[in-house]
N, C-alpha and C. Protein backbone atom coordinates (compact mmCIF):
# COMPACT_ATOMS: atom_id res chain seq x y z
N MET A 1 -37.36 44.82 -13.70
CA MET A 1 -36.41 45.13 -14.45
C MET A 1 -36.79 46.57 -15.39
N ARG A 2 -35.66 46.98 -14.43
CA ARG A 2 -36.13 48.39 -15.66
C ARG A 2 -35.84 48.33 -16.96
N LEU A 3 -36.44 49.69 -17.46
CA LEU A 3 -36.43 49.47 -18.82
C LEU A 3 -35.22 49.23 -19.33
N ASP A 4 -34.53 50.16 -19.07
CA ASP A 4 -33.14 50.38 -20.06
C ASP A 4 -32.26 49.44 -19.88
N LYS A 5 -32.32 48.53 -18.88
CA LYS A 5 -31.79 47.51 -18.59
C LYS A 5 -32.32 46.19 -19.47
N TYR A 6 -33.74 46.23 -19.76
CA TYR A 6 -34.05 45.20 -20.49
C TYR A 6 -34.30 45.30 -21.52
N LEU A 7 -34.02 47.01 -22.13
CA LEU A 7 -33.58 47.14 -23.53
C LEU A 7 -32.31 46.58 -23.77
N LYS A 8 -31.53 47.08 -22.93
CA LYS A 8 -30.06 45.68 -23.47
C LYS A 8 -29.55 44.42 -22.86
N VAL A 9 -30.54 43.82 -22.18
CA VAL A 9 -30.06 42.34 -21.78
C VAL A 9 -30.63 42.04 -23.49
N ALA A 10 -32.15 42.50 -23.65
CA ALA A 10 -32.63 42.07 -24.84
C ALA A 10 -32.21 42.46 -26.26
N ARG A 11 -31.15 42.86 -25.67
CA ARG A 11 -30.80 43.38 -27.15
C ARG A 11 -31.02 44.65 -27.91
N LEU A 12 -32.19 45.19 -27.46
CA LEU A 12 -32.80 46.46 -28.43
C LEU A 12 -32.05 47.16 -28.64
N ASP A 13 -31.02 47.48 -27.53
CA ASP A 13 -30.48 48.83 -27.72
C ASP A 13 -28.93 48.42 -27.04
N GLN A 14 -27.55 48.74 -28.00
CA GLN A 14 -26.34 48.36 -27.64
C GLN A 14 -25.75 48.53 -25.99
N ALA A 15 -26.17 49.95 -26.07
CA ALA A 15 -25.13 50.46 -24.66
C ALA A 15 -26.62 50.46 -23.63
N PRO A 16 -26.26 50.27 -22.50
CA PRO A 16 -27.24 51.28 -21.42
C PRO A 16 -27.63 52.83 -21.12
N HIS A 17 -26.22 53.39 -21.42
CA HIS A 17 -26.42 54.55 -21.81
C HIS A 17 -27.43 55.27 -22.34
N ARG A 18 -27.17 54.66 -23.90
CA ARG A 18 -27.63 54.97 -25.36
C ARG A 18 -29.37 55.07 -24.94
N ALA A 19 -29.74 53.50 -24.10
CA ALA A 19 -31.39 53.26 -23.85
C ALA A 19 -31.72 54.25 -22.73
N ASN A 20 -30.64 55.02 -21.78
CA ASN A 20 -31.29 55.79 -20.98
C ASN A 20 -31.08 56.93 -21.51
N ASP A 21 -30.47 57.35 -22.39
CA ASP A 21 -30.46 58.44 -23.40
C ASP A 21 -31.85 58.57 -24.28
N ALA A 22 -32.22 57.62 -24.73
CA ALA A 22 -33.14 57.70 -25.71
C ALA A 22 -34.88 57.74 -24.49
N CYS A 23 -34.92 57.21 -23.61
CA CYS A 23 -35.95 57.55 -22.55
C CYS A 23 -36.24 58.98 -22.50
N ASP A 24 -35.06 59.33 -21.62
CA ASP A 24 -35.24 60.63 -21.56
C ASP A 24 -35.24 61.79 -22.54
N VAL A 25 -35.54 61.66 -23.62
CA VAL A 25 -35.93 62.67 -24.95
C VAL A 25 -36.97 61.92 -25.57
N GLY A 26 -37.82 60.98 -24.66
CA GLY A 26 -38.95 60.16 -25.67
C GLY A 26 -39.16 60.12 -26.55
N ARG A 27 -38.08 58.82 -27.01
CA ARG A 27 -38.10 58.08 -28.17
C ARG A 27 -38.19 56.47 -27.58
N VAL A 28 -38.57 56.48 -26.31
CA VAL A 28 -39.30 54.93 -26.03
C VAL A 28 -40.67 55.13 -25.07
N THR A 29 -41.42 54.24 -25.67
CA THR A 29 -43.04 54.67 -24.94
C THR A 29 -43.11 52.93 -24.65
N VAL A 30 -44.16 52.78 -23.54
CA VAL A 30 -44.75 51.63 -22.91
C VAL A 30 -45.95 51.50 -23.13
N ASN A 31 -46.64 50.70 -23.81
CA ASN A 31 -47.67 50.85 -23.94
C ASN A 31 -48.54 52.26 -24.36
N GLY A 32 -47.87 53.04 -25.45
CA GLY A 32 -48.30 54.14 -25.81
C GLY A 32 -48.42 55.36 -25.19
N LYS A 33 -47.27 55.25 -23.95
CA LYS A 33 -47.01 56.14 -22.99
C LYS A 33 -45.72 56.40 -22.93
N PRO A 34 -45.36 57.68 -23.10
CA PRO A 34 -43.76 57.73 -23.22
C PRO A 34 -43.13 57.58 -22.00
N ALA A 35 -42.29 56.89 -21.66
CA ALA A 35 -41.74 56.25 -20.55
C ALA A 35 -40.39 56.48 -20.01
N LYS A 36 -39.94 56.34 -18.56
CA LYS A 36 -38.64 56.88 -18.33
C LYS A 36 -37.76 55.54 -18.35
N ALA A 37 -36.48 55.43 -18.07
CA ALA A 37 -35.85 54.52 -17.87
C ALA A 37 -36.07 54.02 -16.94
N SER A 38 -36.35 54.26 -15.37
CA SER A 38 -36.51 53.43 -14.43
C SER A 38 -38.16 53.03 -14.37
N TYR A 39 -38.99 52.77 -15.50
CA TYR A 39 -40.19 52.23 -15.54
C TYR A 39 -39.84 50.43 -15.56
N GLN A 40 -40.42 49.82 -14.67
CA GLN A 40 -40.56 48.70 -14.05
C GLN A 40 -41.12 47.94 -15.02
N VAL A 41 -40.47 47.50 -16.46
CA VAL A 41 -40.95 46.40 -17.34
C VAL A 41 -41.50 45.48 -16.56
N LYS A 42 -43.56 44.77 -17.59
CA LYS A 42 -44.11 43.66 -17.00
C LYS A 42 -43.87 42.71 -18.34
N LEU A 43 -44.55 41.66 -18.15
CA LEU A 43 -44.80 40.62 -18.52
C LEU A 43 -46.07 41.42 -19.96
N GLY A 44 -46.17 41.36 -21.46
CA GLY A 44 -47.36 41.75 -22.20
C GLY A 44 -47.03 43.21 -22.27
N ASP A 45 -46.08 44.04 -21.83
CA ASP A 45 -45.87 45.38 -22.24
C ASP A 45 -45.52 45.46 -23.45
N VAL A 46 -46.06 46.65 -23.82
CA VAL A 46 -45.55 46.66 -25.30
C VAL A 46 -44.72 48.33 -25.64
N ILE A 47 -43.40 47.86 -26.45
CA ILE A 47 -42.38 48.74 -25.98
C ILE A 47 -42.11 48.88 -27.80
N GLU A 48 -42.26 50.33 -27.76
CA GLU A 48 -42.06 51.06 -29.16
C GLU A 48 -41.09 52.35 -29.24
N ILE A 49 -39.99 52.02 -29.87
CA ILE A 49 -38.34 52.69 -29.66
C ILE A 49 -38.28 53.32 -31.26
N ALA A 50 -38.27 54.21 -31.40
CA ALA A 50 -37.86 55.18 -32.25
C ALA A 50 -36.17 55.30 -32.76
N PHE A 51 -36.45 54.56 -33.91
CA PHE A 51 -34.39 54.91 -34.21
C PHE A 51 -34.71 55.48 -35.53
N GLY A 52 -34.02 56.58 -35.64
CA GLY A 52 -34.33 57.80 -36.55
C GLY A 52 -35.62 57.97 -37.47
N GLN A 53 -35.45 56.91 -38.31
CA GLN A 53 -36.81 56.61 -39.39
C GLN A 53 -37.85 55.41 -39.14
N ARG A 54 -36.74 54.68 -38.58
CA ARG A 54 -37.71 53.67 -38.07
C ARG A 54 -38.46 53.61 -36.89
N THR A 55 -39.26 52.56 -36.67
CA THR A 55 -39.81 52.70 -35.58
C THR A 55 -39.56 51.27 -35.40
N MET A 56 -39.61 50.48 -33.70
CA MET A 56 -39.55 49.14 -33.70
C MET A 56 -40.64 48.63 -32.59
N ARG A 57 -41.91 48.10 -32.33
CA ARG A 57 -42.90 47.70 -31.92
C ARG A 57 -42.31 46.76 -30.98
N VAL A 58 -42.50 46.01 -29.93
CA VAL A 58 -41.75 44.89 -29.20
C VAL A 58 -43.19 44.46 -28.35
N GLU A 59 -43.10 42.84 -28.14
CA GLU A 59 -44.20 42.57 -27.01
C GLU A 59 -42.89 41.78 -26.15
N VAL A 60 -43.02 42.26 -24.39
CA VAL A 60 -42.35 41.78 -23.34
C VAL A 60 -43.07 40.08 -23.54
N LEU A 61 -41.91 39.13 -23.81
CA LEU A 61 -42.44 37.95 -23.88
C LEU A 61 -41.85 37.22 -22.28
N ASN A 62 -40.65 37.38 -21.91
CA ASN A 62 -39.76 37.03 -20.60
C ASN A 62 -38.79 38.42 -20.52
N ILE A 63 -38.72 38.29 -18.96
CA ILE A 63 -37.73 38.45 -18.06
C ILE A 63 -36.52 38.34 -17.71
N ALA A 64 -35.53 38.53 -17.96
CA ALA A 64 -34.18 37.90 -17.78
C ALA A 64 -33.33 39.00 -16.86
N GLU A 65 -32.84 38.44 -16.03
CA GLU A 65 -31.43 39.16 -15.55
C GLU A 65 -30.48 39.36 -16.61
N HIS A 66 -30.06 38.40 -16.75
CA HIS A 66 -28.95 37.84 -18.29
C HIS A 66 -29.75 36.91 -19.16
N ALA A 67 -29.18 37.21 -20.32
CA ALA A 67 -29.40 36.86 -21.72
C ALA A 67 -28.31 36.50 -22.52
N LEU A 68 -28.16 35.38 -23.02
CA LEU A 68 -26.96 35.18 -23.89
C LEU A 68 -27.74 36.19 -25.39
N LYS A 69 -26.52 36.10 -26.54
CA LYS A 69 -27.11 36.53 -27.20
C LYS A 69 -27.86 35.72 -27.86
N ALA A 70 -28.02 34.78 -28.72
CA ALA A 70 -28.60 33.33 -29.11
C ALA A 70 -30.21 33.53 -28.05
N ASP A 71 -30.29 33.89 -27.29
CA ASP A 71 -31.14 33.63 -26.33
C ASP A 71 -32.34 35.14 -25.63
N ALA A 72 -31.35 36.28 -26.07
CA ALA A 72 -32.40 37.10 -26.05
C ALA A 72 -33.43 37.59 -27.17
N ALA A 73 -33.60 36.83 -28.38
CA ALA A 73 -34.82 37.29 -29.30
C ALA A 73 -35.73 36.67 -28.79
N ALA A 74 -35.32 35.55 -28.13
CA ALA A 74 -36.70 35.31 -27.19
C ALA A 74 -37.14 35.90 -26.41
N MET A 75 -36.45 37.23 -26.04
CA MET A 75 -37.30 38.02 -24.91
C MET A 75 -38.96 38.66 -25.23
N TYR A 76 -38.47 38.80 -26.22
CA TYR A 76 -40.11 39.58 -27.31
C TYR A 76 -39.91 39.14 -28.18
N LYS A 77 -41.31 39.68 -28.92
CA LYS A 77 -42.22 39.37 -29.82
C LYS A 77 -42.24 41.04 -30.77
N GLU A 78 -41.58 40.77 -31.93
CA GLU A 78 -41.22 42.27 -32.89
C GLU A 78 -42.82 42.10 -32.99
N LEU A 79 -43.46 43.56 -33.30
CA LEU A 79 -45.40 43.72 -33.49
C LEU A 79 -45.16 44.66 -35.16
N PRO A 80 -45.91 43.90 -35.94
CA PRO A 80 -45.92 45.50 -37.39
C PRO A 80 -46.68 46.59 -36.77
């Protein structure tokens, strides 16, 4: 699954175009390296997203094409 779609399905970013833009400007890294929106997400990847002053780090636990809002949080584990 593409990184921008994963961010949307897992509810880590609210809109696909914003996820795409975040990747384009370098606010998203995967395993410590800047990632493009087309990066293919794999289980165990560590995604880091910069939201202004706040940075969120998550580990990919599950990849699903569709997820209900209640199930989206089970797709990743937030890291310190």
